[in-house]
PDB file of N, CA and C in Angstrom:
ATOM      1  N   MET A   1      71.755 168.706-137.633  1.00  0.00           N
ATOM      2  CA  MET A   1      72.082 167.309-137.917  1.00  0.00           C
ATOM      3  C   MET A   1      73.596 167.160-137.962  1.00  0.00           C
ATOM      4  N   SER A   2      74.090 166.099-137.413  1.00  0.00           N
ATOM      5  CA  SER A   2      75.522 165.872-137.402  1.00  0.00           C
ATOM      6  C   SER A   2      76.002 165.400-138.774  1.00  0.00           C
ATOM      7  N   ASP A   3      77.309 165.357-138.939  1.00  0.00           N
ATOM      8  CA  ASP A   3      77.889 164.938-140.211  1.00  0.00           C
ATOM      9  C   ASP A   3      77.774 163.435-140.440  1.00  0.00           C
ATOM     10  N   THR A   4      77.602 162.681-139.375  1.00  0.00           N
ATOM     11  CA  THR A   4      77.479 161.231-139.519  1.00  0.00           C
ATOM     12  C   THR A   4      76.010 160.836-139.555  1.00  0.00           C
ATOM     13  N   VAL A   5      75.736 159.812-140.306  1.00  0.00           N
ATOM     14  CA  VAL A   5      74.374 159.296-140.423  1.00  0.00           C
ATOM     15  C   VAL A   5      74.356 157.923-139.758  1.00  0.00           C
ATOM     16  N   ASP A   6      73.397 157.720-138.872  1.00  0.00           N
ATOM     17  CA  ASP A   6      73.309 156.427-138.197  1.00  0.00           C
ATOM     18  C   ASP A   6      72.068 155.673-138.658  1.00  0.00           C
ATOM     19  N   ALA A   7      71.923 154.471-138.157  1.00  0.00           N
ATOM     20  CA  ALA A   7      70.815 153.607-138.564  1.00  0.00           C
ATOM     21  C   ALA A   7      69.468 154.225-138.215  1.00  0.00           C
ATOM     22  N   ALA A   8      69.394 154.975-137.129  1.00  0.00           N
ATOM     23  CA  ALA A   8      68.128 155.599-136.733  1.00  0.00           C
ATOM     24  C   ALA A   8      67.653 156.593-137.790  1.00  0.00           C
ATOM     25  N   TYR A   9      68.575 157.278-138.434  1.00  0.00           N
ATOM     26  CA  TYR A   9      68.218 158.225-139.499  1.00  0.00           C
ATOM     27  C   TYR A   9      67.501 157.494-140.635  1.00  0.00           C
ATOM     28  N   PHE A  10      68.072 156.387-141.080  1.00  0.00           N
ATOM     29  CA  PHE A  10      67.469 155.624-142.168  1.00  0.00           C
ATOM     30  C   PHE A  10      66.166 154.960-141.725  1.00  0.00           C
ATOM     31  N   ARG A  11      66.108 154.516-140.470  1.00  0.00           N
ATOM     32  CA  ARG A  11      64.885 153.923-139.940  1.00  0.00           C
ATOM     33  C   ARG A  11      63.732 154.937-140.003  1.00  0.00           C
ATOM     34  N   GLU A  12      64.028 156.185-139.645  1.00  0.00           N
ATOM     35  CA  GLU A  12      63.012 157.232-139.704  1.00  0.00           C
ATOM     36  C   GLU A  12      62.595 157.508-141.148  1.00  0.00           C
ATOM     37  N   LYS A  13      63.530 157.490-142.078  1.00  0.00           N
ATOM     38  CA  LYS A  13      63.202 157.701-143.492  1.00  0.00           C
ATOM     39  C   LYS A  13      62.305 156.586-144.015  1.00  0.00           C
ATOM     40  N   VAL A  14      62.540 155.357-143.564  1.00  0.00           N
ATOM     41  CA  VAL A  14      61.671 154.234-143.955  1.00  0.00           C
ATOM     42  C   VAL A  14      60.258 154.496-143.473  1.00  0.00           C
ATOM     43  N   ARG A  15      60.121 154.918-142.209  1.00  0.00           N
ATOM     44  CA  ARG A  15      58.788 155.193-141.655  1.00  0.00           C
ATOM     45  C   ARG A  15      58.073 156.291-142.441  1.00  0.00           C
ATOM     46  N   ILE A  16      58.804 157.339-142.792  1.00  0.00           N
ATOM     47  CA  ILE A  16      58.208 158.444-143.551  1.00  0.00           C
ATOM     48  C   ILE A  16      57.729 157.960-144.913  1.00  0.00           C
ATOM     49  N   CYS A  17      58.569 157.206-145.603  1.00  0.00           N
ATOM     50  CA  CYS A  17      58.197 156.699-146.927  1.00  0.00           C
ATOM     51  C   CYS A  17      56.967 155.800-146.854  1.00  0.00           C
ATOM     52  N   LEU A  18      56.922 154.927-145.880  1.00  0.00           N
ATOM     53  CA  LEU A  18      55.785 154.023-145.754  1.00  0.00           C
ATOM     54  C   LEU A  18      54.504 154.793-145.434  1.00  0.00           C
ATOM     55  N   ARG A  19      54.627 155.810-144.602  1.00  0.00           N
ATOM     56  CA  ARG A  19      53.459 156.623-144.271  1.00  0.00           C
ATOM     57  C   ARG A  19      52.964 157.380-145.511  1.00  0.00           C
ATOM     58  N   LEU A  20      53.882 157.917-146.298  1.00  0.00           N
ATOM     59  CA  LEU A  20      53.495 158.607-147.536  1.00  0.00           C
ATOM     60  C   LEU A  20      52.837 157.645-148.529  1.00  0.00           C
ATOM     61  N   ALA A  21      53.442 156.473-148.693  1.00  0.00           N
ATOM     62  CA  ALA A  21      52.926 155.496-149.652  1.00  0.00           C
ATOM     63  C   ALA A  21      51.538 155.009-149.249  1.00  0.00           C
ATOM     64  N   GLU A  22      51.287 154.936-147.961  1.00  0.00           N
ATOM     65  CA  GLU A  22      50.002 154.465-147.470  1.00  0.00           C
ATOM     66  C   GLU A  22      48.854 155.366-147.927  1.00  0.00           C
ATOM     67  N   GLY A  23      49.134 156.645-148.108  1.00  0.00           N
ATOM     68  CA  GLY A  23      48.099 157.584-148.511  1.00  0.00           C
ATOM     69  C   GLY A  23      47.842 157.640-150.002  1.00  0.00           C
ATOM     70  N   LEU A  24      48.601 156.892-150.784  1.00  0.00           N
ATOM     71  CA  LEU A  24      48.439 156.904-152.239  1.00  0.00           C
ATOM     72  C   LEU A  24      47.692 155.663-152.717  1.00  0.00           C
ATOM     73  N   PRO A  25      47.025 155.748-153.869  1.00  0.00           N
ATOM     74  CA  PRO A  25      46.362 154.558-154.421  1.00  0.00           C
ATOM     75  C   PRO A  25      47.381 153.441-154.671  1.00  0.00           C
ATOM     76  N   TRP A  26      46.937 152.207-154.503  1.00  0.00           N
ATOM     77  CA  TRP A  26      47.865 151.066-154.609  1.00  0.00           C
ATOM     78  C   TRP A  26      48.511 150.955-155.976  1.00  0.00           C
ATOM     79  N   ASN A  27      47.862 151.444-157.041  1.00  0.00           N
ATOM     80  CA  ASN A  27      48.423 151.311-158.386  1.00  0.00           C
ATOM     81  C   ASN A  27      49.104 152.595-158.865  1.00  0.00           C
ATOM     82  N   SER A  28      49.401 153.490-157.963  1.00  0.00           N
ATOM     83  CA  SER A  28      50.051 154.756-158.312  1.00  0.00           C
ATOM     84  C   SER A  28      51.550 154.540-158.566  1.00  0.00           C
ATOM     85  N   PRO A  29      52.083 155.090-159.657  1.00  0.00           N
ATOM     86  CA  PRO A  29      53.523 155.008-159.897  1.00  0.00           C
ATOM     87  C   PRO A  29      54.333 155.694-158.791  1.00  0.00           C
ATOM     88  N   ALA A  30      53.784 156.759-158.230  1.00  0.00           N
ATOM     89  CA  ALA A  30      54.476 157.455-157.138  1.00  0.00           C
ATOM     90  C   ALA A  30      54.598 156.546-155.914  1.00  0.00           C
ATOM     91  N   ARG A  31      53.548 155.783-155.634  1.00  0.00           N
ATOM     92  CA  ARG A  31      53.588 154.851-154.501  1.00  0.00           C
ATOM     93  C   ARG A  31      54.695 153.825-154.694  1.00  0.00           C
ATOM     94  N   TYR A  32      54.798 153.318-155.906  1.00  0.00           N
ATOM     95  CA  TYR A  32      55.839 152.337-156.219  1.00  0.00           C
ATOM     96  C   TYR A  32      57.228 152.935-155.992  1.00  0.00           C
ATOM     97  N   GLN A  33      57.437 154.153-156.461  1.00  0.00           N
ATOM     98  CA  GLN A  33      58.733 154.809-156.299  1.00  0.00           C
ATOM     99  C   GLN A  33      59.052 155.052-154.823  1.00  0.00           C
ATOM    100  N   ILE A  34      58.051 155.460-154.062  1.00  0.00           N
ATOM    101  CA  ILE A  34      58.266 155.706-152.636  1.00  0.00           C
ATOM    102  C   ILE A  34      58.588 154.402-151.908  1.00  0.00           C
ATOM    103  N   LEU A  35      57.936 153.316-152.287  1.00  0.00           N
ATOM    104  CA  LEU A  35      58.232 152.023-151.670  1.00  0.00           C
ATOM    105  C   LEU A  35      59.640 151.550-152.024  1.00  0.00           C
ATOM    106  N   LEU A  36      60.085 151.843-153.240  1.00  0.00           N
ATOM    107  CA  LEU A  36      61.465 151.515-153.610  1.00  0.00           C
ATOM    108  C   LEU A  36      62.457 152.316-152.770  1.00  0.00           C
ATOM    109  N   MET A  37      62.137 153.580-152.535  1.00  0.00           N
ATOM    110  CA  MET A  37      62.995 154.409-151.687  1.00  0.00           C
ATOM    111  C   MET A  37      63.049 153.839-150.269  1.00  0.00           C
ATOM    112  N   ALA A  38      61.904 153.408-149.754  1.00  0.00           N
ATOM    113  CA  ALA A  38      61.854 152.829-148.412  1.00  0.00           C
ATOM    114  C   ALA A  38      62.732 151.584-148.339  1.00  0.00           C
ATOM    115  N   GLU A  39      62.670 150.772-149.377  1.00  0.00           N
ATOM    116  CA  GLU A  39      63.496 149.557-149.412  1.00  0.00           C
ATOM    117  C   GLU A  39      64.978 149.906-149.421  1.00  0.00           C
ATOM    118  N   ASP A  40      65.340 150.919-150.190  1.00  0.00           N
ATOM    119  CA  ASP A  40      66.737 151.359-150.251  1.00  0.00           C
ATOM    120  C   ASP A  40      67.200 151.886-148.890  1.00  0.00           C
ATOM    121  N   PHE A  41      66.363 152.685-148.244  1.00  0.00           N
ATOM    122  CA  PHE A  41      66.712 153.185-146.917  1.00  0.00           C
ATOM    123  C   PHE A  41      66.865 152.042-145.923  1.00  0.00           C
ATOM    124  N   GLN A  42      66.007 151.032-146.041  1.00  0.00           N
ATOM    125  CA  GLN A  42      66.089 149.898-145.124  1.00  0.00           C
ATOM    126  C   GLN A  42      67.394 149.118-145.339  1.00  0.00           C
ATOM    127  N   LEU A  43      67.806 148.955-146.580  1.00  0.00           N
ATOM    128  CA  LEU A  43      69.070 148.266-146.846  1.00  0.00           C
ATOM    129  C   LEU A  43      70.250 149.045-146.275  1.00  0.00           C
ATOM    130  N   ARG A  44      70.199 150.363-146.397  1.00  0.00           N
ATOM    131  CA  ARG A  44      71.267 151.199-145.839  1.00  0.00           C
ATOM    132  C   ARG A  44      71.281 151.111-144.313  1.00  0.00           C
ATOM    133  N   GLU A  45      70.095 151.051-143.722  1.00  0.00           N
ATOM    134  CA  GLU A  45      70.009 150.896-142.265  1.00  0.00           C
ATOM    135  C   GLU A  45      70.658 149.584-141.840  1.00  0.00           C
ATOM    136  N   LEU A  46      70.362 148.515-142.559  1.00  0.00           N
ATOM    137  CA  LEU A  46      70.918 147.203-142.204  1.00  0.00           C
ATOM    138  C   LEU A  46      72.423 147.149-142.393  1.00  0.00           C
ATOM    139  N   GLU A  47      72.945 147.928-143.330  1.00  0.00           N
ATOM    140  CA  GLU A  47      74.401 147.998-143.498  1.00  0.00           C
ATOM    141  C   GLU A  47      75.050 148.606-142.260  1.00  0.00           C
ATOM    142  N   LEU A  48      74.385 149.595-141.676  1.00  0.00           N
ATOM    143  CA  LEU A  48      74.936 150.270-140.502  1.00  0.00           C
ATOM    144  C   LEU A  48      74.659 149.529-139.207  1.00  0.00           C
ATOM    145  N   ASP A  49      73.529 148.816-139.156  1.00  0.00           N
ATOM    146  CA  ASP A  49      73.116 148.135-137.934  1.00  0.00           C
ATOM    147  C   ASP A  49      72.567 146.751-138.266  1.00  0.00           C
ATOM    148  N   PRO A  50      73.446 145.781-138.538  1.00  0.00           N
ATOM    149  CA  PRO A  50      72.977 144.452-138.937  1.00  0.00           C
ATOM    150  C   PRO A  50      72.211 143.721-137.840  1.00  0.00           C
ATOM    151  N   VAL A  51      72.272 144.191-136.610  1.00  0.00           N
ATOM    152  CA  VAL A  51      71.549 143.562-135.506  1.00  0.00           C
ATOM    153  C   VAL A  51      70.054 143.757-135.672  1.00  0.00           C
ATOM    154  N   SER A  52      69.636 144.808-136.380  1.00  0.00           N
ATOM    155  CA  SER A  52      68.207 145.116-136.515  1.00  0.00           C
ATOM    156  C   SER A  52      67.566 144.412-137.705  1.00  0.00           C
ATOM    157  N   LEU A  53      68.007 143.206-138.004  1.00  0.00           N
ATOM    158  CA  LEU A  53      67.396 142.448-139.091  1.00  0.00           C
ATOM    159  C   LEU A  53      65.925 142.221-138.800  1.00  0.00           C
ATOM    160  N   PRO A  54      65.076 142.435-139.789  1.00  0.00           N
ATOM    161  CA  PRO A  54      63.642 142.256-139.542  1.00  0.00           C
ATOM    162  C   PRO A  54      63.285 140.786-139.345  1.00  0.00           C
ATOM    163  N   THR A  55      62.378 140.540-138.434  1.00  0.00           N
ATOM    164  CA  THR A  55      61.866 139.194-138.220  1.00  0.00           C
ATOM    165  C   THR A  55      60.352 139.248-138.334  1.00  0.00           C
ATOM    166  N   SER A  56      59.766 138.118-138.502  1.00  0.00           N
ATOM    167  CA  SER A  56      58.313 138.078-138.575  1.00  0.00           C
ATOM    168  C   SER A  56      57.742 138.343-137.182  1.00  0.00           C
ATOM    169  N   ARG A  57      56.448 138.531-137.104  1.00  0.00           N
ATOM    170  CA  ARG A  57      55.806 138.863-135.828  1.00  0.00           C
ATOM    171  C   ARG A  57      55.891 137.732-134.817  1.00  0.00           C
ATOM    172  N   ASP A  58      56.043 136.508-135.307  1.00  0.00           N
ATOM    173  CA  ASP A  58      56.106 135.384-134.370  1.00  0.00           C
ATOM    174  C   ASP A  58      57.524 135.142-133.852  1.00  0.00           C
ATOM    175  N   GLY A  59      58.480 135.982-134.266  1.00  0.00           N
ATOM    176  CA  GLY A  59      59.831 135.874-133.744  1.00  0.00           C
ATOM    177  C   GLY A  59      60.779 135.068-134.602  1.00  0.00           C
ATOM    178  N   TYR A  60      60.264 134.394-135.619  1.00  0.00           N
ATOM    179  CA  TYR A  60      61.129 133.622-136.492  1.00  0.00           C
ATOM    180  C   TYR A  60      61.654 134.494-137.614  1.00  0.00           C
ATOM    181  N   CYS A  61      62.845 134.194-138.082  1.00  0.00           N
ATOM    182  CA  CYS A  61      63.446 134.977-139.146  1.00  0.00           C
ATOM    183  C   CYS A  61      62.696 134.773-140.458  1.00  0.00           C
ATOM    184  N   ASP A  62      62.718 135.788-141.270  1.00  0.00           N
ATOM    185  CA  ASP A  62      62.124 135.725-142.604  1.00  0.00           C
ATOM    186  C   ASP A  62      62.939 134.724-143.416  1.00  0.00           C
ATOM    187  N   SER A  63      62.281 133.967-144.262  1.00  0.00           N
ATOM    188  CA  SER A  63      62.977 132.941-145.032  1.00  0.00           C
ATOM    189  C   SER A  63      63.987 133.518-146.008  1.00  0.00           C
ATOM    190  N   ALA A  64      63.828 134.796-146.385  1.00  0.00           N
ATOM    191  CA  ALA A  64      64.755 135.424-147.326  1.00  0.00           C
ATOM    192  C   ALA A  64      66.025 135.912-146.626  1.00  0.00           C
ATOM    193  N   ILE A  65      66.032 135.901-145.295  1.00  0.00           N
ATOM    194  CA  ILE A  65      67.168 136.412-144.532  1.00  0.00           C
ATOM    195  C   ILE A  65      67.853 135.240-143.838  1.00  0.00           C
ATOM    196  N   LYS A  66      69.148 135.180-144.003  1.00  0.00           N
ATOM    197  CA  LYS A  66      69.915 134.128-143.306  1.00  0.00           C
ATOM    198  C   LYS A  66      70.092 134.544-141.866  1.00  0.00           C
ATOM    199  N   CYS A  67      69.693 133.683-140.942  1.00  0.00           N
ATOM    200  CA  CYS A  67      69.765 134.004-139.510  1.00  0.00           C
ATOM    201  C   CYS A  67      70.906 133.258-138.865  1.00  0.00           C
TER     202      CYS A  67
END
């Protein structure tokens, strides 16, 4: 791994966290912690690559995100 971390690194960490959380019961404290980690990784990804802002499936921006 190189010394620099790019948005793809954090994107992959988000995917891993979501996959792990999916296998846990919905009311598990571990699931909650893993989802918080995924959110943190996603924020770090957006800091590095603001172009990859998430949008809804229909192509419109999420109401919580200024487009």
